[in-house]
Amino acid sequence: MGARADNASEAEMADLILGIDPTLEPERAREALRSHIDRANWMVTTGYKDLLAG
């Protein structure tokens, strides 16, 4: 979420956060990043409630 707030490109996020070279594996990088961002958004908006509920 921080990288997105810092206006990092999708290519930069895939490389730095996920360790996937978007030049070599563009589709994998795109899909993995989308999944990662979706999961992070879910955790921030909903998922944390499950963790706190125990």
PDB file of N, CA and C in Angstrom:
ATOM      1  N   MET A   1       0.836  -1.182   0.000  1.00  0.00           N
ATOM      2  CA  MET A   1       0.000   0.000   0.000  1.00  0.00           C
ATOM      3  C   MET A   1       0.885   1.251   0.000  1.00  0.00           C
ATOM      4  N   GLY A   2       2.014   1.181   0.675  1.00  0.00           N
ATOM      5  CA  GLY A   2       2.925   2.311   0.697  1.00  0.00           C
ATOM      6  C   GLY A   2       3.518   2.618  -0.661  1.00  0.00           C
ATOM      7  N   ALA A   3       3.864   1.568  -1.395  1.00  0.00           N
ATOM      8  CA  ALA A   3       4.439   1.770  -2.733  1.00  0.00           C
ATOM      9  C   ALA A   3       3.439   2.439  -3.651  1.00  0.00           C
ATOM     10  N   ARG A   4       2.188   2.053  -3.518  1.00  0.00           N
ATOM     11  CA  ARG A   4       1.144   2.669  -4.339  1.00  0.00           C
ATOM     12  C   ARG A   4       0.986   4.139  -3.964  1.00  0.00           C
ATOM     13  N   ALA A   5       1.025   4.425  -2.673  1.00  0.00           N
ATOM     14  CA  ALA A   5       0.917   5.813  -2.215  1.00  0.00           C
ATOM     15  C   ALA A   5       2.108   6.645  -2.684  1.00  0.00           C
ATOM     16  N   ASP A   6       3.249   5.991  -2.852  1.00  0.00           N
ATOM     17  CA  ASP A   6       4.447   6.679  -3.336  1.00  0.00           C
ATOM     18  C   ASP A   6       4.491   6.757  -4.855  1.00  0.00           C
ATOM     19  N   ASN A   7       3.390   6.376  -5.498  1.00  0.00           N
ATOM     20  CA  ASN A   7       3.266   6.421  -6.958  1.00  0.00           C
ATOM     21  C   ASN A   7       4.261   5.525  -7.692  1.00  0.00           C
ATOM     22  N   ALA A   8       4.596   4.390  -7.091  1.00  0.00           N
ATOM     23  CA  ALA A   8       5.456   3.424  -7.779  1.00  0.00           C
ATOM     24  C   ALA A   8       4.665   2.816  -8.934  1.00  0.00           C
ATOM     25  N   SER A   9       5.347   2.541 -10.015  1.00  0.00           N
ATOM     26  CA  SER A   9       4.679   1.910 -11.154  1.00  0.00           C
ATOM     27  C   SER A   9       4.406   0.443 -10.833  1.00  0.00           C
ATOM     28  N   GLU A  10       3.511  -0.159 -11.602  1.00  0.00           N
ATOM     29  CA  GLU A  10       3.237  -1.581 -11.403  1.00  0.00           C
ATOM     30  C   GLU A  10       4.499  -2.407 -11.609  1.00  0.00           C
ATOM     31  N   ALA A  11       5.311  -2.033 -12.576  1.00  0.00           N
ATOM     32  CA  ALA A  11       6.561  -2.755 -12.830  1.00  0.00           C
ATOM     33  C   ALA A  11       7.495  -2.657 -11.626  1.00  0.00           C
ATOM     34  N   GLU A  12       7.600  -1.472 -11.049  1.00  0.00           N
ATOM     35  CA  GLU A  12       8.455  -1.296  -9.871  1.00  0.00           C
ATOM     36  C   GLU A  12       7.941  -2.112  -8.695  1.00  0.00           C
ATOM     37  N   MET A  13       6.624  -2.101  -8.481  1.00  0.00           N
ATOM     38  CA  MET A  13       6.062  -2.861  -7.367  1.00  0.00           C
ATOM     39  C   MET A  13       6.263  -4.357  -7.556  1.00  0.00           C
ATOM     40  N   ALA A  14       6.043  -4.854  -8.759  1.00  0.00           N
ATOM     41  CA  ALA A  14       6.229  -6.283  -9.016  1.00  0.00           C
ATOM     42  C   ALA A  14       7.663  -6.686  -8.733  1.00  0.00           C
ATOM     43  N   ASP A  15       8.593  -5.865  -9.156  1.00  0.00           N
ATOM     44  CA  ASP A  15      10.005  -6.177  -8.967  1.00  0.00           C
ATOM     45  C   ASP A  15      10.407  -6.063  -7.504  1.00  0.00           C
ATOM     46  N   LEU A  16      10.112  -4.948  -6.864  1.00  0.00           N
ATOM     47  CA  LEU A  16      10.574  -4.693  -5.504  1.00  0.00           C
ATOM     48  C   LEU A  16       9.828  -5.486  -4.439  1.00  0.00           C
ATOM     49  N   ILE A  17       8.529  -5.605  -4.573  1.00  0.00           N
ATOM     50  CA  ILE A  17       7.725  -6.259  -3.541  1.00  0.00           C
ATOM     51  C   ILE A  17       7.649  -7.765  -3.752  1.00  0.00           C
ATOM     52  N   LEU A  18       7.434  -8.167  -4.995  1.00  0.00           N
ATOM     53  CA  LEU A  18       7.199  -9.582  -5.278  1.00  0.00           C
ATOM     54  C   LEU A  18       8.422 -10.303  -5.836  1.00  0.00           C
ATOM     55  N   GLY A  19       9.431  -9.558  -6.218  1.00  0.00           N
ATOM     56  CA  GLY A  19      10.631 -10.180  -6.765  1.00  0.00           C
ATOM     57  C   GLY A  19      10.424 -10.808  -8.132  1.00  0.00           C
ATOM     58  N   ILE A  20       9.471 -10.271  -8.896  1.00  0.00           N
ATOM     59  CA  ILE A  20       9.188 -10.775 -10.239  1.00  0.00           C
ATOM     60  C   ILE A  20       9.638  -9.720 -11.244  1.00  0.00           C
ATOM     61  N   ASP A  21      10.464 -10.126 -12.183  1.00  0.00           N
ATOM     62  CA  ASP A  21      10.936  -9.199 -13.213  1.00  0.00           C
ATOM     63  C   ASP A  21       9.837  -9.044 -14.266  1.00  0.00           C
ATOM     64  N   PRO A  22       9.185  -7.879 -14.310  1.00  0.00           N
ATOM     65  CA  PRO A  22       8.077  -7.694 -15.242  1.00  0.00           C
ATOM     66  C   PRO A  22       8.503  -7.684 -16.709  1.00  0.00           C
ATOM     67  N   THR A  23       9.776  -7.484 -16.957  1.00  0.00           N
ATOM     68  CA  THR A  23      10.267  -7.532 -18.336  1.00  0.00           C
ATOM     69  C   THR A  23      10.317  -8.972 -18.832  1.00  0.00           C
ATOM     70  N   LEU A  24      10.726  -9.880 -17.944  1.00  0.00           N
ATOM     71  CA  LEU A  24      10.838 -11.290 -18.309  1.00  0.00           C
ATOM     72  C   LEU A  24       9.510 -12.030 -18.212  1.00  0.00           C
ATOM     73  N   GLU A  25       8.676 -11.639 -17.235  1.00  0.00           N
ATOM     74  CA  GLU A  25       7.405 -12.328 -17.002  1.00  0.00           C
ATOM     75  C   GLU A  25       6.273 -11.316 -16.814  1.00  0.00           C
ATOM     76  N   PRO A  26       5.898 -10.593 -17.859  1.00  0.00           N
ATOM     77  CA  PRO A  26       4.912  -9.518 -17.698  1.00  0.00           C
ATOM     78  C   PRO A  26       3.541  -9.996 -17.213  1.00  0.00           C
ATOM     79  N   GLU A  27       3.048 -11.102 -17.736  1.00  0.00           N
ATOM     80  CA  GLU A  27       1.725 -11.587 -17.333  1.00  0.00           C
ATOM     81  C   GLU A  27       1.733 -12.059 -15.878  1.00  0.00           C
ATOM     82  N   ARG A  28       2.744 -12.811 -15.508  1.00  0.00           N
ATOM     83  CA  ARG A  28       2.862 -13.290 -14.124  1.00  0.00           C
ATOM     84  C   ARG A  28       2.985 -12.111 -13.167  1.00  0.00           C
ATOM     85  N   ALA A  29       3.792 -11.133 -13.530  1.00  0.00           N
ATOM     86  CA  ALA A  29       3.969  -9.959 -12.681  1.00  0.00           C
ATOM     87  C   ALA A  29       2.649  -9.218 -12.499  1.00  0.00           C
ATOM     88  N   ARG A  30       1.915  -9.037 -13.584  1.00  0.00           N
ATOM     89  CA  ARG A  30       0.636  -8.318 -13.536  1.00  0.00           C
ATOM     90  C   ARG A  30      -0.381  -9.061 -12.670  1.00  0.00           C
ATOM     91  N   GLU A  31      -0.502 -10.365 -12.875  1.00  0.00           N
ATOM     92  CA  GLU A  31      -1.478 -11.157 -12.118  1.00  0.00           C
ATOM     93  C   GLU A  31      -1.114 -11.240 -10.635  1.00  0.00           C
ATOM     94  N   ALA A  32       0.159 -11.455 -10.348  1.00  0.00           N
ATOM     95  CA  ALA A  32       0.590 -11.554  -8.955  1.00  0.00           C
ATOM     96  C   ALA A  32       0.410 -10.224  -8.233  1.00  0.00           C
ATOM     97  N   LEU A  33       0.731  -9.137  -8.909  1.00  0.00           N
ATOM     98  CA  LEU A  33       0.579  -7.826  -8.288  1.00  0.00           C
ATOM     99  C   LEU A  33      -0.890  -7.517  -8.029  1.00  0.00           C
ATOM    100  N   ARG A  34      -1.750  -7.814  -8.990  1.00  0.00           N
ATOM    101  CA  ARG A  34      -3.185  -7.576  -8.813  1.00  0.00           C
ATOM    102  C   ARG A  34      -3.706  -8.360  -7.607  1.00  0.00           C
ATOM    103  N   SER A  35      -3.318  -9.616  -7.500  1.00  0.00           N
ATOM    104  CA  SER A  35      -3.738 -10.446  -6.378  1.00  0.00           C
ATOM    105  C   SER A  35      -3.216  -9.875  -5.057  1.00  0.00           C
ATOM    106  N   HIS A  36      -1.975  -9.454  -5.054  1.00  0.00           N
ATOM    107  CA  HIS A  36      -1.358  -8.894  -3.856  1.00  0.00           C
ATOM    108  C   HIS A  36      -2.086  -7.617  -3.418  1.00  0.00           C
ATOM    109  N   ILE A  37      -2.370  -6.738  -4.365  1.00  0.00           N
ATOM    110  CA  ILE A  37      -3.057  -5.484  -4.039  1.00  0.00           C
ATOM    111  C   ILE A  37      -4.485  -5.751  -3.571  1.00  0.00           C
ATOM    112  N   ASP A  38      -5.181  -6.663  -4.230  1.00  0.00           N
ATOM    113  CA  ASP A  38      -6.541  -7.010  -3.810  1.00  0.00           C
ATOM    114  C   ASP A  38      -6.550  -7.548  -2.384  1.00  0.00           C
ATOM    115  N   ARG A  39      -5.589  -8.424  -2.068  1.00  0.00           N
ATOM    116  CA  ARG A  39      -5.505  -9.008  -0.729  1.00  0.00           C
ATOM    117  C   ARG A  39      -5.172  -7.934   0.304  1.00  0.00           C
ATOM    118  N   ALA A  40      -4.268  -7.026  -0.036  1.00  0.00           N
ATOM    119  CA  ALA A  40      -3.910  -5.948   0.886  1.00  0.00           C
ATOM    120  C   ALA A  40      -5.106  -5.038   1.141  1.00  0.00           C
ATOM    121  N   ASN A  41      -5.847  -4.701   0.101  1.00  0.00           N
ATOM    122  CA  ASN A  41      -7.046  -3.871   0.271  1.00  0.00           C
ATOM    123  C   ASN A  41      -8.081  -4.577   1.133  1.00  0.00           C
ATOM    124  N   TRP A  42      -8.265  -5.873   0.915  1.00  0.00           N
ATOM    125  CA  TRP A  42      -9.220  -6.640   1.724  1.00  0.00           C
ATOM    126  C   TRP A  42      -8.792  -6.624   3.188  1.00  0.00           C
ATOM    127  N   MET A  43      -7.489  -6.824   3.427  1.00  0.00           N
ATOM    128  CA  MET A  43      -7.000  -6.875   4.798  1.00  0.00           C
ATOM    129  C   MET A  43      -7.226  -5.550   5.511  1.00  0.00           C
ATOM    130  N   VAL A  44      -7.016  -4.454   4.809  1.00  0.00           N
ATOM    131  CA  VAL A  44      -7.167  -3.131   5.408  1.00  0.00           C
ATOM    132  C   VAL A  44      -8.638  -2.801   5.660  1.00  0.00           C
ATOM    133  N   THR A  45      -9.529  -3.235   4.776  1.00  0.00           N
ATOM    134  CA  THR A  45     -10.937  -2.855   4.914  1.00  0.00           C
ATOM    135  C   THR A  45     -11.785  -3.867   5.678  1.00  0.00           C
ATOM    136  N   THR A  46     -11.446  -5.143   5.617  1.00  0.00           N
ATOM    137  CA  THR A  46     -12.301  -6.175   6.190  1.00  0.00           C
ATOM    138  C   THR A  46     -11.551  -7.200   7.023  1.00  0.00           C
ATOM    139  N   GLY A  47     -10.475  -7.702   6.487  1.00  0.00           N
ATOM    140  CA  GLY A  47      -9.771  -8.836   7.075  1.00  0.00           C
ATOM    141  C   GLY A  47      -9.261  -8.613   8.481  1.00  0.00           C
ATOM    142  N   TYR A  48      -8.891  -7.373   8.794  1.00  0.00           N
ATOM    143  CA  TYR A  48      -8.373  -7.107  10.128  1.00  0.00           C
ATOM    144  C   TYR A  48      -9.414  -7.415  11.200  1.00  0.00           C
ATOM    145  N   LYS A  49     -10.691  -7.305  10.866  1.00  0.00           N
ATOM    146  CA  LYS A  49     -11.754  -7.587  11.832  1.00  0.00           C
ATOM    147  C   LYS A  49     -11.717  -9.041  12.262  1.00  0.00           C
ATOM    148  N   ASP A  50     -11.446  -9.948  11.312  1.00  0.00           N
ATOM    149  CA  ASP A  50     -11.337 -11.368  11.633  1.00  0.00           C
ATOM    150  C   ASP A  50     -10.154 -11.622  12.560  1.00  0.00           C
ATOM    151  N   LEU A  51      -9.060 -10.938  12.335  1.00  0.00           N
ATOM    152  CA  LEU A  51      -7.886 -11.115  13.188  1.00  0.00           C
ATOM    153  C   LEU A  51      -8.147 -10.621  14.606  1.00  0.00           C
ATOM    154  N   LEU A  52      -8.828  -9.495  14.717  1.00  0.00           N
ATOM    155  CA  LEU A  52      -9.108  -8.937  16.036  1.00  0.00           C
ATOM    156  C   LEU A  52     -10.162  -9.741  16.790  1.00  0.00           C
ATOM    157  N   ALA A  53     -11.071 -10.372  16.052  1.00  0.00           N
ATOM    158  CA  ALA A  53     -12.125 -11.161  16.687  1.00  0.00           C
ATOM    159  C   ALA A  53     -11.563 -12.441  17.297  1.00  0.00           C
ATOM    160  N   GLY A  54     -10.431 -12.883  16.765  1.00  0.00           N
ATOM    161  CA  GLY A  54      -9.740 -14.054  17.296  1.00  0.00           C
ATOM    162  C   GLY A  54     -10.425 -15.293  16.955  1.00  0.00           C
TER     163      GLY A  54
END
